[in-house]
């Protein structure tokens, strides 16, 4: 059951779902059975009066409350939380969101009560750069069936995007996730990821993209370089090289095509893919020529990489 109400100031969303243990879907895939879940999302939007002092810098304030309850049909808790939240939207592309989450979750036949705080922000006021981020702190579950426990959690993501020219776009990303034992302060896990993605638009039909990433948990550095050429609206040519300095893993996907070991040529009605692997110099070198349907490129010859 789902009920919604949207007006100028109020947004109300109610959802209730009940799935029996012997339920089988005849039309598609379902994630799980044997549960009863309910969600309530109620929000109120407040805007300052026009030409008031607040309206010079504040667009609106969005106060909302989310309640989620999920139990198995024999009464065991799954994911239950209550989140009182508030969001501030300012002029010039500045946004701040904050909430506190009260949890009652079940994992590995145990029940856990914990609380965490969350703050996120984004600033898009400037032409040549923008930044956004989030940080959450408080408590979290160690999702290890052999050692489930509540610990002190810290998680953050910081993003800085530079656009020094119309052709160049460089994004710097920092991710951190940490969980420590509440009594001994022993570390359950601690991971930091530093990543840079840079895209340079050589011309309307040609672009270069580089990815550089360092992962402290696996102690490895990954490098990826890609050249893209779009000679016509429905055709794209890719050349990519990827490597991992610690040699813990090697992986490459070019569009919809995986990297193959050795030399392979695959052809179909609309595509031709040529792949080669040089294990001593780089992990993978892939050349792919792909005929793209018009809907995927939007009828434009501009090559955009993500």
Protein backbone atom coordinates (compact mmCIF):
# COMPACT_ATOMS: atom_id res chain seq x y z
CA UNK A 1 0.00 0.00 0.00
CA UNK A 2 1.28 3.46 -0.87
CA UNK A 3 -0.26 6.86 -0.10
CA UNK A 4 1.19 10.23 -1.13
CA UNK A 5 0.16 13.85 -0.61
CA UNK A 6 2.01 16.80 -2.12
CA UNK A 7 0.96 20.40 -1.63
CA UNK A 8 2.71 23.75 -1.64
CA UNK A 9 4.07 23.24 1.87
CA UNK A 10 3.48 19.62 2.86
CA UNK A 11 4.93 16.42 1.41
CA UNK A 12 3.59 13.20 2.93
CA UNK A 13 4.54 9.69 1.88
CA UNK A 14 3.22 6.48 3.50
CA UNK A 15 4.23 2.98 2.46
CA UNK A 16 3.36 -0.43 3.90
CA UNK A 17 4.55 -3.78 2.54
CA UNK A 18 3.76 -7.30 3.75
CA UNK A 19 5.33 -10.38 2.11
CA UNK A 20 4.56 -13.91 3.31
CA UNK A 21 7.30 -16.59 3.54
CA UNK A 22 5.81 -18.75 0.76
CA UNK A 23 5.28 -15.88 -1.69
CA UNK A 24 6.75 -16.44 -5.16
CA UNK A 25 6.77 -13.80 -7.88
CA UNK A 26 5.54 -14.92 -11.29
CA UNK A 27 6.56 -11.71 -13.06
CA UNK A 28 10.06 -10.95 -11.81
CA UNK A 29 12.67 -11.04 -9.06
CA UNK A 30 11.99 -10.10 -5.43
CA UNK A 31 14.78 -9.50 -2.91
CA UNK A 32 13.32 -11.39 0.03
CA UNK A 33 10.19 -12.71 1.72
CA UNK A 34 8.87 -13.13 5.27
CA UNK A 35 8.79 -9.49 6.39
CA UNK A 36 6.53 -6.56 7.17
CA UNK A 37 7.95 -3.10 6.42
CA UNK A 38 6.44 0.37 6.84
CA UNK A 39 7.78 3.82 5.97
CA UNK A 40 6.51 7.28 6.93
CA UNK A 41 8.06 10.39 5.38
CA UNK A 42 6.54 13.75 6.37
CA UNK A 43 8.07 17.09 5.38
CA UNK A 44 7.18 20.76 5.57
CA UNK A 45 8.71 23.47 3.37
CA UNK A 46 9.06 27.01 4.68
CA UNK A 47 10.03 29.95 2.49
CA UNK A 48 10.80 33.49 3.65
CA UNK A 49 8.55 36.31 2.53
CA UNK A 50 9.52 38.02 -0.69
CA UNK A 51 11.73 41.12 -0.33
CA UNK A 52 12.45 40.29 3.31
CA UNK A 53 15.97 40.26 4.71
CA UNK A 54 16.00 36.44 4.83
CA UNK A 55 14.96 36.12 1.20
CA UNK A 56 18.17 37.85 0.15
CA UNK A 57 20.19 34.72 0.93
CA UNK A 58 17.73 31.93 1.92
CA UNK A 59 15.58 30.04 -0.59
CA UNK A 60 13.74 27.64 1.73
CA UNK A 61 13.99 25.42 4.80
CA UNK A 62 12.81 21.83 4.50
CA UNK A 63 12.04 20.10 7.82
CA UNK A 64 11.15 16.43 7.53
CA UNK A 65 10.88 13.23 9.54
CA UNK A 66 11.44 9.68 8.27
CA UNK A 67 10.36 6.60 10.19
CA UNK A 68 11.12 3.11 8.91
CA UNK A 69 10.09 -0.15 10.57
CA UNK A 70 10.96 -3.60 9.25
CA UNK A 71 10.43 -6.93 11.05
CA UNK A 72 10.31 -10.54 10.03
CA UNK A 73 6.90 -12.15 10.47
CA UNK A 74 8.13 -13.97 13.57
CA UNK A 75 8.96 -10.62 15.22
CA UNK A 76 12.72 -10.26 14.66
CA UNK A 77 13.90 -6.72 13.83
CA UNK A 78 15.61 -5.98 10.51
CA UNK A 79 16.24 -2.27 9.85
CA UNK A 80 14.38 0.24 12.01
CA UNK A 81 15.23 3.92 12.27
CA UNK A 82 13.78 7.34 13.01
CA UNK A 83 15.43 10.35 11.36
CA UNK A 84 14.47 13.91 12.33
CA UNK A 85 16.05 16.05 9.59
CA UNK A 86 16.38 19.57 8.29
CA UNK A 87 17.67 20.96 5.00
CA UNK A 88 18.66 24.55 4.20
CA UNK A 89 18.84 25.75 0.61
CA UNK A 90 20.55 29.08 0.11
CA UNK A 91 21.01 31.19 -2.97
CA UNK A 92 24.03 30.82 -5.24
CA UNK A 93 23.85 27.03 -5.14
CA UNK A 94 24.59 26.43 -1.44
CA UNK A 95 22.84 23.57 0.34
CA UNK A 96 23.19 22.06 3.85
CA UNK A 97 21.42 18.96 5.18
CA UNK A 98 21.53 17.42 8.65
CA UNK A 99 19.82 14.61 10.54
CA UNK A 100 20.19 12.33 13.54
CA UNK A 101 19.34 8.66 13.04
CA UNK A 102 18.10 6.43 15.86
CA UNK A 103 18.46 2.75 14.92
CA UNK A 104 17.12 -0.55 16.16
CA UNK A 105 18.52 -3.21 13.83
CA UNK A 106 18.83 -6.95 13.79
CA UNK A 107 21.88 -8.83 12.53
CA UNK A 108 23.23 -12.36 13.11
CA UNK A 109 20.31 -13.18 15.46
CA UNK A 110 21.16 -10.19 17.68
CA UNK A 111 19.51 -6.82 18.25
CA UNK A 112 21.44 -3.55 18.28
CA UNK A 113 20.47 -0.04 19.35
CA UNK A 114 22.67 2.80 18.18
CA UNK A 115 22.62 6.44 17.05
CA UNK A 116 24.52 8.45 14.46
CA UNK A 117 24.65 12.05 13.23
CA UNK A 118 24.92 13.18 9.63
CA UNK A 119 25.76 16.50 7.93
CA UNK A 120 26.17 17.14 4.19
CA UNK A 121 26.81 20.25 2.14
CA UNK A 122 27.39 21.40 -1.43
CA UNK A 123 28.56 24.70 -2.90
CA UNK A 124 28.17 25.44 -6.59
CA UNK A 125 28.48 29.21 -6.51
CA UNK A 126 31.66 29.49 -8.53
CA UNK A 127 32.26 29.02 -12.23
CA UNK A 128 35.69 27.41 -12.04
CA UNK A 129 35.27 25.13 -9.03
CA UNK A 130 32.69 23.53 -6.77
CA UNK A 131 32.86 21.36 -3.68
CA UNK A 132 30.62 19.11 -1.65
CA UNK A 133 30.95 16.74 1.25
CA UNK A 134 29.34 14.76 3.99
CA UNK A 135 30.36 13.45 7.38
CA UNK A 136 28.62 11.04 9.73
CA UNK A 137 29.71 10.11 13.22
CA UNK A 138 28.32 8.21 16.17
CA UNK A 139 27.76 4.45 16.32
CA UNK A 140 27.57 1.66 13.77
CA UNK A 141 27.38 -2.13 13.51
CA UNK A 142 30.35 -4.31 12.67
CA UNK A 143 28.68 -6.45 9.98
CA UNK A 144 30.81 -9.52 10.65
CA UNK A 145 28.65 -12.58 11.48
CA UNK A 146 31.50 -14.00 13.56
CA UNK A 147 31.89 -10.81 15.62
CA UNK A 148 28.81 -8.52 15.40
CA UNK A 149 29.06 -5.54 17.72
CA UNK A 150 28.29 -1.82 17.96
CA UNK A 151 31.33 0.44 17.64
CA UNK A 152 32.25 4.08 17.25
CA UNK A 153 31.82 4.96 13.58
CA UNK A 154 33.19 7.74 11.41
CA UNK A 155 32.51 8.18 7.70
CA UNK A 156 33.21 11.08 5.38
CA UNK A 157 33.33 11.99 1.71
CA UNK A 158 34.85 15.19 0.32
CA UNK A 159 34.72 16.21 -3.33
CA UNK A 160 36.42 19.13 -5.06
CA UNK A 161 35.81 19.74 -8.78
CA UNK A 162 38.04 22.10 -10.74
CA UNK A 163 37.11 23.57 -14.14
CA UNK A 164 40.03 25.84 -15.05
CA UNK A 165 38.94 25.90 -18.71
CA UNK A 166 35.85 24.84 -20.63
CA UNK A 167 37.75 21.81 -21.93
CA UNK A 168 39.28 20.60 -18.65
CA UNK A 169 37.44 19.05 -15.71
CA UNK A 170 39.27 17.51 -12.75
CA UNK A 171 37.56 15.96 -9.72
CA UNK A 172 39.34 15.11 -6.45
CA UNK A 173 37.58 12.69 -4.11
CA UNK A 174 38.45 11.60 -0.57
CA UNK A 175 36.55 8.76 1.16
CA UNK A 176 37.00 7.49 4.69
CA UNK A 177 35.17 4.77 6.63
CA UNK A 178 36.19 3.72 10.14
CA UNK A 179 34.73 1.63 12.97
CA UNK A 180 36.35 1.09 16.38
CA UNK A 181 35.43 -0.92 19.47
CA UNK A 182 33.66 1.25 22.04
CA UNK A 183 35.62 -0.09 25.04
CA UNK A 184 39.09 -1.08 23.84
CA UNK A 185 39.16 1.32 20.86
CA UNK A 186 40.43 -1.60 18.77
CA UNK A 187 39.91 -1.08 15.06
CA UNK A 188 37.30 -3.20 13.29
CA UNK A 189 38.23 -1.58 9.98
CA UNK A 190 39.67 1.65 8.62
CA UNK A 191 39.73 2.55 4.94
CA UNK A 192 40.82 5.71 3.12
CA UNK A 193 40.45 6.19 -0.63
CA UNK A 194 41.94 9.10 -2.58
CA UNK A 195 40.86 9.43 -6.20
CA UNK A 196 41.31 11.85 -9.07
CA UNK A 197 39.36 11.81 -12.31
CA UNK A 198 40.42 14.23 -15.02
CA UNK A 199 38.70 14.74 -18.39
CA UNK A 200 40.09 16.85 -21.20
CA UNK A 201 37.94 17.58 -24.26
CA UNK A 202 40.40 17.66 -27.15
CA UNK A 203 37.75 18.57 -29.69
CA UNK A 204 34.06 18.08 -30.30
CA UNK A 205 34.63 14.40 -31.12
CA UNK A 206 37.74 13.52 -29.06
CA UNK A 207 38.35 13.33 -25.32
CA UNK A 208 40.89 12.00 -22.82
CA UNK A 209 40.13 10.65 -19.35
CA UNK A 210 42.47 9.60 -16.54
CA UNK A 211 41.70 7.88 -13.23
CA UNK A 212 44.18 7.66 -10.35
CA UNK A 213 43.17 5.99 -7.08
CA UNK A 214 44.90 4.91 -3.88
CA UNK A 215 43.22 2.54 -1.38
CA UNK A 216 44.79 2.25 2.08
CA UNK A 217 42.85 -0.91 3.01
CA UNK A 218 44.25 -2.89 0.07
CA UNK A 219 47.44 -0.81 -0.13
CA UNK A 220 47.28 -0.43 -3.86
CA UNK A 221 47.27 2.27 -6.51
CA UNK A 222 45.12 2.00 -9.60
CA UNK A 223 45.73 3.86 -12.86
CA UNK A 224 43.46 4.08 -15.88
CA UNK A 225 43.76 6.10 -19.08
CA UNK A 226 41.15 6.26 -21.84
CA UNK A 227 40.92 7.94 -25.25
CA UNK A 228 37.54 8.31 -26.94
CA UNK A 229 36.75 9.27 -30.52
CA UNK A 230 33.23 9.80 -31.87
CA UNK A 231 33.51 10.19 -35.66
CA UNK A 232 29.73 10.12 -36.21
CA UNK A 233 26.66 10.42 -33.97
CA UNK A 234 26.20 6.64 -33.64
CA UNK A 235 29.82 5.43 -33.59
CA UNK A 236 32.44 5.59 -30.82
CA UNK A 237 36.06 4.34 -30.71
CA UNK A 238 37.82 3.71 -27.37
CA UNK A 239 41.44 3.02 -26.46
CA UNK A 240 42.11 2.29 -22.78
CA UNK A 241 45.00 1.24 -20.54
CA UNK A 242 44.60 0.23 -16.90
CA UNK A 243 47.03 -1.06 -14.30
CA UNK A 244 47.28 -1.71 -10.56
CA UNK A 245 50.66 -1.17 -8.92
CA UNK A 246 50.20 -3.69 -6.11
CA UNK A 247 48.96 -6.33 -8.60
CA UNK A 248 46.23 -7.38 -6.17
CA UNK A 249 43.67 -7.19 -8.94
CA UNK A 250 43.47 -6.42 -12.62
CA UNK A 251 40.21 -5.34 -14.16
CA UNK A 252 39.03 -3.33 -17.12
CA UNK A 253 35.69 -2.71 -18.72
CA UNK A 254 35.44 -0.67 -21.89
CA UNK A 255 31.85 0.36 -22.44
CA UNK A 256 29.99 -2.94 -22.37
CA UNK A 257 33.07 -4.99 -23.26
CA UNK A 258 35.29 -6.80 -20.68
CA UNK A 259 39.03 -7.14 -21.11
CA UNK A 260 40.23 -10.49 -22.49
CA UNK A 261 43.55 -12.23 -22.00
CA UNK A 262 45.52 -12.80 -25.15
CA UNK A 263 44.32 -11.39 -28.46
CA UNK A 264 40.69 -11.66 -29.43
CA UNK A 265 38.50 -10.31 -32.17
CA UNK A 266 34.74 -10.30 -31.66
CA UNK A 267 32.31 -9.09 -34.28
CA UNK A 268 28.55 -8.78 -34.59
CA UNK A 269 26.16 -6.89 -36.78
CA UNK A 270 26.77 -3.57 -35.05
CA UNK A 271 30.16 -3.82 -33.32
CA UNK A 272 33.75 -4.96 -33.66
CA UNK A 273 35.99 -5.33 -30.58
CA UNK A 274 39.74 -6.01 -30.66
CA UNK A 275 41.42 -6.76 -27.32
CA UNK A 276 45.04 -7.44 -26.39
CA UNK A 277 46.81 -8.00 -23.08
CA UNK A 278 50.43 -7.11 -22.31
CA UNK A 279 51.09 -8.38 -18.77
CA UNK A 280 54.66 -7.09 -18.50
CA UNK A 281 54.18 -3.48 -19.56
CA UNK A 282 50.58 -2.82 -18.47
CA UNK A 283 47.76 -4.98 -17.21
CA UNK A 284 45.41 -4.45 -20.13
CA UNK A 285 45.38 -2.62 -23.44
CA UNK A 286 42.01 -2.55 -25.13
CA UNK A 287 40.85 -1.08 -28.40
CA UNK A 288 37.10 -1.12 -28.95
CA UNK A 289 35.09 0.16 -31.89
CA UNK A 290 31.42 0.28 -31.02
CA UNK A 291 28.36 1.16 -33.02
CA UNK A 292 26.11 2.98 -30.57
CA UNK A 293 22.33 3.30 -31.06
CA UNK A 294 21.21 6.93 -31.55
CA UNK A 295 19.35 7.00 -28.22
CA UNK A 296 22.60 6.43 -26.28
CA UNK A 297 24.31 9.52 -27.66
CA UNK A 298 21.27 11.74 -27.98
CA UNK A 299 22.05 12.48 -31.62
CA UNK A 300 25.11 14.56 -30.72
CA UNK A 301 28.67 14.06 -31.89
CA UNK A 302 30.13 15.48 -28.67
CA UNK A 303 31.99 12.77 -26.77
CA UNK A 304 31.47 13.03 -23.01
CA UNK A 305 33.28 10.79 -20.53
CA UNK A 306 32.25 9.99 -16.98
